[in-house]
Amino acid sequence: MLRFVKRTLGFSGTKSVRILMYHKVLPEKKIPCKDFLTVSAEDLEQQFKYIKNNYNTLFFNDLKTNSQLKQKLILTFDDGYLNNLQYLVPLLEKYCLKATIFIPTELIQKSETDENRQLMTFDEIRSLNPEVVEIALHSHSHKNYSQISLQEIADDIHKNIRTLEEKAIPFTKVLAYPYGKFPKKGEQKKEFFSILEKAGIISAVRIGNNIAYYPWRNKFEIKRIDIRGGDSFDVFKWKLRLGKIKL
């Protein structure tokens, strides 16, 4: 019973890994009303101070050699927004934390010629400080994997990997599913996971809002905790503790 209570409250020793999911970071005054994908730079700094004092941030690449480390936490940011370069990276460097940024390569390609681009360029991604940023996969076209064929998925993952290789950007073969979606029905799910194996994907993350455990129970269905713009600091700490707002 005590083991269940500890696990429920997130106190599972060395096996628990909190994986936080973010997207955009902007100063409070620049955030549009009700933009839940954007966390203010001010809130993020407060969160980072708390993380620095209570957790150990890792890259996915660090997990194998640091599996016995307590209070493990992985910061993840989806889509490669330009504001990550402007506001996230300086905070990572200030507090000596690590984060993984998941890159959708076709969206980056299309954004590079846009005068009002919201995403980083490949040159900017390549220039990110490898001491604080790990690059990983977020598909090529950012299509919902539950709505396209398995062949389209295989081609998309291949393009995601190949593009980063062609751009000489070091990356970890961890995949964040676009929209958190993937095929979930019986044989199709099995074939989908086989595609990931053949592509060399070592693990994949969804949403799920719960604490993960390493070694992974299912390496292609790892749950992340969604940190939203507008979350109070108390809500943030509650999510860190439980993986969700309520038991």
Foldseek 3Di string as FASTA:
>chain_A
DVCVVCVQQPNNALFWEAEEEAAAEDAPVPDDPPAFRYAYLVVVLVVLVVCLVQAAEDDPVCCVVRSNPTRYYEYEYEAAFPRCVVRVLVSCVVSVHAYEYAHQAQLLVVQPPPPPGGHDHLVSLQPRDPSHYAYEHAWHPLDAQQPDALVVRLVRLVCRVVVCVVSVRDHALEYEYRQLHHHDDDPRVVVSVVSSVVSVRQAYEGAAQFIATPVGPHRDYTHHQYRTHPQDPVQVVSSSRRSHNDD
